[in-house]
Amino acid sequence: MFKFIAQDLQAVFERDPAATSRWEVFLTYSGFHALLAHRVAYSFRCRHVPFFPRFISQVARWLTGIEIHPGAKIGKGFFIDHGMGVVIGETTEVGDYVTLFQGVTLGGTGKERGKRHPTLGNHVVVGAGAKVLGGITIGDNVKIGANAVVLRSVPPNSTVVGNPGRVVKYEGERIPEATMDHINIPDPIAERFEAMERELIELRKRVENPEEPPTRSV
């Protein structure tokens, strides 16, 4: 557990340029506080200690505004930026070096039993206000845009935007860590509007100059 905590602390400095010292993170970072409480609660739960895991998670929720069920499995290097309003359900599984922003929900879709919360791979970034719901799988190196609602599994090396979430798949190399943010993502709707605008301009030119051969759009 202590090894995971050290890696969580290091993740803060790697992904938050505002972090200046270890004491600052220990004393003022609510995301780190909630994660620290979860590590303790999860260790008690794995030892089948009754009551205390849930009690610890609720105290952490009151203090930080972040709710992490003690049954959630969270990998190393996990980072919650700001964190207010983050909810992580009981059967959630989170891989290594995952980043969540404020208002994220990793939740269920109903009252079903069993695996009812999502599984996130490694190096996943979930933007502010995004909702990832149900027993789905989010592959490695996936970026989920702010306020996206993801209800279906997402393949690795993809970007998800919109409500419901739409996938823009990246093929080839893994997404570099330096570009893993939640705003520099493609917008398929805007791209489609731009393509339609180019087509309208081309049609207008052909109507105004019918004798000119049509130009080929790129």
C-alpha atoms as a PDB file:
ATOM      1  CA  MET A   1       0.000   0.000   0.000  1.00  0.00           C
ATOM      2  CA  PHE A   2       2.782   2.453   0.898  1.00  0.00           C
ATOM      3  CA  LYS A   3       4.406   1.881  -2.498  1.00  0.00           C
ATOM      4  CA  PHE A   4       1.131   2.826  -4.198  1.00  0.00           C
ATOM      5  CA  ILE A   5       0.822   5.957  -2.056  1.00  0.00           C
ATOM      6  CA  ALA A   6       4.336   7.058  -3.042  1.00  0.00           C
ATOM      7  CA  GLN A   7       3.463   6.566  -6.715  1.00  0.00           C
ATOM      8  CA  ASP A   8       0.212   8.500  -6.258  1.00  0.00           C
ATOM      9  CA  LEU A   9       2.190  11.355  -4.744  1.00  0.00           C
ATOM     10  CA  GLN A  10       4.654  11.351  -7.619  1.00  0.00           C
ATOM     11  CA  ALA A  11       1.758  11.393 -10.094  1.00  0.00           C
ATOM     12  CA  VAL A  12       0.591  14.716  -8.652  1.00  0.00           C
ATOM     13  CA  PHE A  13       3.918  16.375  -9.481  1.00  0.00           C
ATOM     14  CA  GLU A  14       4.019  14.822 -12.945  1.00  0.00           C
ATOM     15  CA  ARG A  15       0.529  15.971 -13.957  1.00  0.00           C
ATOM     16  CA  ASP A  16      -0.166  19.142 -11.977  1.00  0.00           C
ATOM     17  CA  PRO A  17       2.171  22.089 -12.654  1.00  0.00           C
ATOM     18  CA  ALA A  18       0.667  23.920  -9.650  1.00  0.00           C
ATOM     19  CA  ALA A  19       2.137  21.390  -7.190  1.00  0.00           C
ATOM     20  CA  THR A  20       5.228  22.908  -5.567  1.00  0.00           C
ATOM     21  CA  SER A  21       6.037  20.737  -2.537  1.00  0.00           C
ATOM     22  CA  ARG A  22       5.143  17.448  -0.885  1.00  0.00           C
ATOM     23  CA  TRP A  23       3.779  19.248   2.172  1.00  0.00           C
ATOM     24  CA  GLU A  24       1.442  21.270  -0.036  1.00  0.00           C
ATOM     25  CA  VAL A  25       0.076  18.099  -1.625  1.00  0.00           C
ATOM     26  CA  PHE A  26      -0.284  16.302   1.712  1.00  0.00           C
ATOM     27  CA  LEU A  27      -2.113  19.204   3.343  1.00  0.00           C
ATOM     28  CA  THR A  28      -4.185  20.799   0.576  1.00  0.00           C
ATOM     29  CA  TYR A  29      -4.912  18.343  -2.266  1.00  0.00           C
ATOM     30  CA  SER A  30      -8.385  16.864  -1.789  1.00  0.00           C
ATOM     31  CA  GLY A  31      -7.876  14.328  -4.572  1.00  0.00           C
ATOM     32  CA  PHE A  32      -4.802  12.936  -2.832  1.00  0.00           C
ATOM     33  CA  HIS A  33      -6.641  12.895   0.513  1.00  0.00           C
ATOM     34  CA  ALA A  34      -9.551  10.931  -0.970  1.00  0.00           C
ATOM     35  CA  LEU A  35      -7.203   8.467  -2.621  1.00  0.00           C
ATOM     36  CA  LEU A  36      -5.189   8.027   0.569  1.00  0.00           C
ATOM     37  CA  ALA A  37      -8.391   7.276   2.496  1.00  0.00           C
ATOM     38  CA  HIS A  38      -9.411   4.814  -0.201  1.00  0.00           C
ATOM     39  CA  ARG A  39      -6.118   2.938   0.006  1.00  0.00           C
ATOM     40  CA  VAL A  40      -6.705   2.459   3.730  1.00  0.00           C
ATOM     41  CA  ALA A  41     -10.383   1.522   3.309  1.00  0.00           C
ATOM     42  CA  TYR A  42      -9.582  -0.929   0.521  1.00  0.00           C
ATOM     43  CA  SER A  43      -6.907  -2.655   2.629  1.00  0.00           C
ATOM     44  CA  PHE A  44      -9.450  -3.119   5.456  1.00  0.00           C
ATOM     45  CA  ARG A  45     -12.025  -4.453   2.997  1.00  0.00           C
ATOM     46  CA  CYS A  46      -9.551  -6.981   1.592  1.00  0.00           C
ATOM     47  CA  ARG A  47      -9.073  -8.223   5.173  1.00  0.00           C
ATOM     48  CA  HIS A  48     -12.874  -8.563   5.516  1.00  0.00           C
ATOM     49  CA  VAL A  49     -13.046  -5.948   8.270  1.00  0.00           C
ATOM     50  CA  PRO A  50     -16.729  -4.941   8.660  1.00  0.00           C
ATOM     51  CA  PHE A  51     -18.107  -1.387   8.797  1.00  0.00           C
ATOM     52  CA  PHE A  52     -14.811   0.540   8.850  1.00  0.00           C
ATOM     53  CA  PRO A  53     -14.104   0.549   5.089  1.00  0.00           C
ATOM     54  CA  ARG A  54     -17.466   2.146   4.323  1.00  0.00           C
ATOM     55  CA  PHE A  55     -17.147   4.513   7.279  1.00  0.00           C
ATOM     56  CA  ILE A  56     -13.734   5.702   6.067  1.00  0.00           C
ATOM     57  CA  SER A  57     -15.047   6.296   2.553  1.00  0.00           C
ATOM     58  CA  GLN A  58     -17.979   8.341   3.852  1.00  0.00           C
ATOM     59  CA  VAL A  59     -15.754  10.479   6.074  1.00  0.00           C
ATOM     60  CA  ALA A  60     -13.496  11.102   3.067  1.00  0.00           C
ATOM     61  CA  ARG A  61     -16.555  12.063   1.033  1.00  0.00           C
ATOM     62  CA  TRP A  62     -17.651  14.627   3.639  1.00  0.00           C
ATOM     63  CA  LEU A  63     -14.157  16.117   3.805  1.00  0.00           C
ATOM     64  CA  THR A  64     -13.209  16.107   0.118  1.00  0.00           C
ATOM     65  CA  GLY A  65     -16.413  15.955  -1.947  1.00  0.00           C
ATOM     66  CA  ILE A  66     -15.050  12.813  -3.622  1.00  0.00           C
ATOM     67  CA  GLU A  67     -16.809   9.468  -3.196  1.00  0.00           C
ATOM     68  CA  ILE A  68     -14.790   6.315  -3.816  1.00  0.00           C
ATOM     69  CA  HIS A  69     -16.417   3.057  -2.801  1.00  0.00           C
ATOM     70  CA  PRO A  70     -13.989   0.913  -0.763  1.00  0.00           C
ATOM     71  CA  GLY A  71     -14.568  -1.981  -3.174  1.00  0.00           C
ATOM     72  CA  ALA A  72     -13.166  -0.113  -6.184  1.00  0.00           C
ATOM     73  CA  LYS A  73      -9.812  -1.383  -7.467  1.00  0.00           C
ATOM     74  CA  ILE A  74      -7.434   1.453  -8.332  1.00  0.00           C
ATOM     75  CA  GLY A  75      -3.975   1.020  -9.837  1.00  0.00           C
ATOM     76  CA  LYS A  76      -0.778   2.958  -9.223  1.00  0.00           C
ATOM     77  CA  GLY A  77      -0.113   6.542 -10.252  1.00  0.00           C
ATOM     78  CA  PHE A  78      -3.792   7.535 -10.004  1.00  0.00           C
ATOM     79  CA  PHE A  79      -4.488  11.287 -10.032  1.00  0.00           C
ATOM     80  CA  ILE A  80      -7.697  13.227  -9.380  1.00  0.00           C
ATOM     81  CA  ASP A  81      -7.343  16.866 -10.433  1.00  0.00           C
ATOM     82  CA  HIS A  82      -9.439  19.187  -8.204  1.00  0.00           C
ATOM     83  CA  GLY A  83     -11.885  16.313  -7.710  1.00  0.00           C
ATOM     84  CA  MET A  84     -15.075  17.863  -6.351  1.00  0.00           C
ATOM     85  CA  GLY A  85     -18.035  15.711  -7.362  1.00  0.00           C
ATOM     86  CA  VAL A  86     -16.055  12.659  -8.474  1.00  0.00           C
ATOM     87  CA  VAL A  87     -17.907   9.361  -7.873  1.00  0.00           C
ATOM     88  CA  ILE A  88     -16.316   5.927  -8.296  1.00  0.00           C
ATOM     89  CA  GLY A  89     -18.582   2.890  -7.890  1.00  0.00           C
ATOM     90  CA  GLU A  90     -18.038  -0.374  -6.063  1.00  0.00           C
ATOM     91  CA  THR A  91     -17.041  -2.677  -8.935  1.00  0.00           C
ATOM     92  CA  THR A  92     -14.976  -0.094 -10.798  1.00  0.00           C
ATOM     93  CA  GLU A  93     -11.502  -1.174 -11.862  1.00  0.00           C
ATOM     94  CA  VAL A  94      -8.950   1.512 -12.710  1.00  0.00           C
ATOM     95  CA  GLY A  95      -5.597   0.774 -14.337  1.00  0.00           C
ATOM     96  CA  ASP A  96      -2.256   2.496 -13.846  1.00  0.00           C
ATOM     97  CA  TYR A  97      -1.522   6.199 -14.425  1.00  0.00           C
ATOM     98  CA  VAL A  98      -5.149   7.223 -14.893  1.00  0.00           C
ATOM     99  CA  THR A  99      -6.266  10.855 -14.534  1.00  0.00           C
ATOM    100  CA  LEU A 100      -9.759  12.050 -13.598  1.00  0.00           C
ATOM    101  CA  PHE A 101     -10.946  15.648 -13.555  1.00  0.00           C
ATOM    102  CA  GLN A 102     -13.702  17.175 -11.429  1.00  0.00           C
ATOM    103  CA  GLY A 103     -17.270  15.946 -11.735  1.00  0.00           C
ATOM    104  CA  VAL A 104     -16.396  12.557 -13.254  1.00  0.00           C
ATOM    105  CA  THR A 105     -18.694   9.608 -12.546  1.00  0.00           C
ATOM    106  CA  LEU A 106     -17.579   6.003 -12.961  1.00  0.00           C
ATOM    107  CA  GLY A 107     -20.970   4.524 -12.179  1.00  0.00           C
ATOM    108  CA  GLY A 108     -23.642   1.969 -12.944  1.00  0.00           C
ATOM    109  CA  THR A 109     -26.755   2.165 -15.085  1.00  0.00           C
ATOM    110  CA  GLY A 110     -29.315   0.572 -12.781  1.00  0.00           C
ATOM    111  CA  LYS A 111     -29.844  -1.920  -9.992  1.00  0.00           C
ATOM    112  CA  GLU A 112     -28.131  -4.857 -11.676  1.00  0.00           C
ATOM    113  CA  ARG A 113     -25.790  -6.991  -9.588  1.00  0.00           C
ATOM    114  CA  GLY A 114     -22.293  -8.235 -10.301  1.00  0.00           C
ATOM    115  CA  LYS A 115     -19.876  -6.223 -12.438  1.00  0.00           C
ATOM    116  CA  ARG A 116     -21.925  -3.088 -12.986  1.00  0.00           C
ATOM    117  CA  HIS A 117     -19.260  -0.371 -13.111  1.00  0.00           C
ATOM    118  CA  PRO A 118     -16.621   0.360 -15.771  1.00  0.00           C
ATOM    119  CA  THR A 119     -13.106  -0.981 -16.148  1.00  0.00           C
ATOM    120  CA  LEU A 120     -10.491   1.581 -17.206  1.00  0.00           C
ATOM    121  CA  GLY A 121      -7.174   0.595 -18.771  1.00  0.00           C
ATOM    122  CA  ASN A 122      -3.800   2.272 -18.304  1.00  0.00           C
ATOM    123  CA  HIS A 123      -3.016   5.899 -19.172  1.00  0.00           C
ATOM    124  CA  VAL A 124      -6.684   6.868 -19.481  1.00  0.00           C
ATOM    125  CA  VAL A 125      -7.762  10.512 -19.087  1.00  0.00           C
ATOM    126  CA  VAL A 126     -11.383  11.352 -18.238  1.00  0.00           C
ATOM    127  CA  GLY A 127     -12.341  15.016 -18.709  1.00  0.00           C
ATOM    128  CA  ALA A 128     -14.370  17.218 -16.386  1.00  0.00           C
ATOM    129  CA  GLY A 129     -17.997  16.213 -15.960  1.00  0.00           C
ATOM    130  CA  ALA A 130     -17.723  13.029 -18.027  1.00  0.00           C
ATOM    131  CA  LYS A 131     -19.872  10.019 -17.150  1.00  0.00           C
ATOM    132  CA  VAL A 132     -18.693   6.480 -17.804  1.00  0.00           C
ATOM    133  CA  LEU A 133     -21.551   4.137 -16.965  1.00  0.00           C
ATOM    134  CA  GLY A 134     -22.103   0.395 -16.837  1.00  0.00           C
ATOM    135  CA  GLY A 135     -19.881  -2.673 -16.873  1.00  0.00           C
ATOM    136  CA  ILE A 136     -17.994  -1.514 -19.967  1.00  0.00           C
ATOM    137  CA  THR A 137     -14.277  -1.549 -20.733  1.00  0.00           C
ATOM    138  CA  ILE A 138     -12.231   1.523 -21.612  1.00  0.00           C
ATOM    139  CA  GLY A 139      -9.011   0.529 -23.359  1.00  0.00           C
ATOM    140  CA  ASP A 140      -5.487   1.783 -22.735  1.00  0.00           C
ATOM    141  CA  ASN A 141      -4.517   5.329 -23.757  1.00  0.00           C
ATOM    142  CA  VAL A 142      -8.109   6.488 -24.182  1.00  0.00           C
ATOM    143  CA  LYS A 143      -9.073  10.153 -23.785  1.00  0.00           C
ATOM    144  CA  ILE A 144     -12.662  10.965 -22.799  1.00  0.00           C
ATOM    145  CA  GLY A 145     -13.691  14.556 -23.448  1.00  0.00           C
ATOM    146  CA  ALA A 146     -15.326  16.874 -20.942  1.00  0.00           C
ATOM    147  CA  ASN A 147     -19.042  16.138 -20.351  1.00  0.00           C
ATOM    148  CA  ALA A 148     -19.002  13.035 -22.564  1.00  0.00           C
ATOM    149  CA  VAL A 149     -21.429  10.249 -21.629  1.00  0.00           C
ATOM    150  CA  VAL A 150     -19.882   6.852 -22.391  1.00  0.00           C
ATOM    151  CA  LEU A 151     -22.232   3.856 -22.386  1.00  0.00           C
ATOM    152  CA  ARG A 152     -20.306   1.408 -24.590  1.00  0.00           C
ATOM    153  CA  SER A 153     -16.844  -0.108 -24.451  1.00  0.00           C
ATOM    154  CA  VAL A 154     -14.051   1.915 -26.078  1.00  0.00           C
ATOM    155  CA  PRO A 155     -11.079   0.375 -27.926  1.00  0.00           C
ATOM    156  CA  PRO A 156      -7.499   1.351 -27.014  1.00  0.00           C
ATOM    157  CA  ASN A 157      -5.870   4.491 -28.424  1.00  0.00           C
ATOM    158  CA  SER A 158      -9.201   6.241 -28.957  1.00  0.00           C
ATOM    159  CA  THR A 159     -10.836   9.549 -28.143  1.00  0.00           C
ATOM    160  CA  VAL A 160     -14.467   9.810 -27.028  1.00  0.00           C
ATOM    161  CA  VAL A 161     -16.576  12.959 -27.242  1.00  0.00           C
ATOM    162  CA  GLY A 162     -20.238  13.924 -26.960  1.00  0.00           C
ATOM    163  CA  ASN A 163     -23.477  12.583 -25.531  1.00  0.00           C
ATOM    164  CA  PRO A 164     -23.818   9.745 -26.215  1.00  0.00           C
ATOM    165  CA  GLY A 165     -20.089   9.219 -26.542  1.00  0.00           C
ATOM    166  CA  ARG A 166     -18.707   8.929 -30.081  1.00  0.00           C
ATOM    167  CA  VAL A 167     -15.346   7.304 -30.697  1.00  0.00           C
ATOM    168  CA  VAL A 168     -12.607   8.810 -32.852  1.00  0.00           C
ATOM    169  CA  LYS A 169     -10.094   5.996 -33.166  1.00  0.00           C
ATOM    170  CA  TYR A 170      -6.372   6.585 -33.309  1.00  0.00           C
ATOM    171  CA  GLU A 171      -4.318   3.935 -35.029  1.00  0.00           C
ATOM    172  CA  GLY A 172      -0.609   3.379 -34.640  1.00  0.00           C
ATOM    173  CA  GLU A 173       1.541   4.622 -31.785  1.00  0.00           C
ATOM    174  CA  ARG A 174       0.389   5.105 -28.213  1.00  0.00           C
ATOM    175  CA  ILE A 175      -0.854   8.605 -27.402  1.00  0.00           C
ATOM    176  CA  PRO A 176       2.065  10.514 -25.823  1.00  0.00           C
ATOM    177  CA  GLU A 177       1.674  11.296 -22.123  1.00  0.00           C
ATOM    178  CA  ALA A 178       2.339  14.978 -22.786  1.00  0.00           C
ATOM    179  CA  THR A 179      -0.807  15.286 -24.935  1.00  0.00           C
ATOM    180  CA  MET A 180      -3.081  13.511 -22.467  1.00  0.00           C
ATOM    181  CA  ASP A 181      -5.429  16.361 -21.594  1.00  0.00           C
ATOM    182  CA  HIS A 182      -9.176  16.738 -21.883  1.00  0.00           C
ATOM    183  CA  ILE A 183      -9.541  19.731 -24.205  1.00  0.00           C
ATOM    184  CA  ASN A 184      -7.227  19.079 -27.183  1.00  0.00           C
ATOM    185  CA  ILE A 185      -9.474  16.474 -28.761  1.00  0.00           C
ATOM    186  CA  PRO A 186     -11.121  16.263 -32.177  1.00  0.00           C
ATOM    187  CA  ASP A 187     -14.761  17.289 -32.578  1.00  0.00           C
ATOM    188  CA  PRO A 188     -16.427  15.093 -35.242  1.00  0.00           C
ATOM    189  CA  ILE A 189     -19.504  17.351 -35.421  1.00  0.00           C
ATOM    190  CA  ALA A 190     -17.424  20.467 -36.091  1.00  0.00           C
ATOM    191  CA  GLU A 191     -15.365  18.567 -38.657  1.00  0.00           C
ATOM    192  CA  ARG A 192     -18.547  17.474 -40.461  1.00  0.00           C
ATOM    193  CA  PHE A 193     -19.883  21.042 -40.536  1.00  0.00           C
ATOM    194  CA  GLU A 194     -16.583  22.229 -41.994  1.00  0.00           C
ATOM    195  CA  ALA A 195     -16.789  19.550 -44.706  1.00  0.00           C
ATOM    196  CA  MET A 196     -20.370  20.608 -45.536  1.00  0.00           C
ATOM    197  CA  GLU A 197     -19.288  24.243 -45.718  1.00  0.00           C
ATOM    198  CA  ARG A 198     -16.520  23.357 -48.175  1.00  0.00           C
ATOM    199  CA  GLU A 199     -19.025  21.432 -50.311  1.00  0.00           C
ATOM    200  CA  LEU A 200     -21.447  24.390 -50.329  1.00  0.00           C
ATOM    201  CA  ILE A 201     -18.664  26.764 -51.394  1.00  0.00           C
ATOM    202  CA  GLU A 202     -17.734  24.393 -54.220  1.00  0.00           C
ATOM    203  CA  LEU A 203     -21.385  24.095 -55.350  1.00  0.00           C
ATOM    204  CA  ARG A 204     -21.775  27.894 -55.288  1.00  0.00           C
ATOM    205  CA  LYS A 205     -18.702  28.284 -57.470  1.00  0.00           C
ATOM    206  CA  ARG A 206     -20.055  25.750 -59.946  1.00  0.00           C
ATOM    207  CA  VAL A 207     -23.422  27.531 -60.115  1.00  0.00           C
ATOM    208  CA  GLU A 208     -21.814  30.936 -60.639  1.00  0.00           C
ATOM    209  CA  ASN A 209     -19.225  29.631 -63.129  1.00  0.00           C
ATOM    210  CA  PRO A 210     -20.754  26.559 -64.794  1.00  0.00           C
ATOM    211  CA  GLU A 211     -18.030  26.368 -67.458  1.00  0.00           C
ATOM    212  CA  GLU A 212     -15.160  25.971 -64.958  1.00  0.00           C
ATOM    213  CA  PRO A 213     -14.156  22.399 -64.108  1.00  0.00           C
ATOM    214  CA  PRO A 214     -14.880  21.468 -60.490  1.00  0.00           C
ATOM    215  CA  THR A 215     -11.976  21.607 -58.061  1.00  0.00           C
ATOM    216  CA  ARG A 216     -11.129  18.582 -56.037  1.00  0.00           C
ATOM    217  CA  SER A 217     -11.538  19.106 -52.284  1.00  0.00           C
ATOM    218  CA  VAL A 218      -8.868  17.724 -49.998  1.00  0.00           C
END
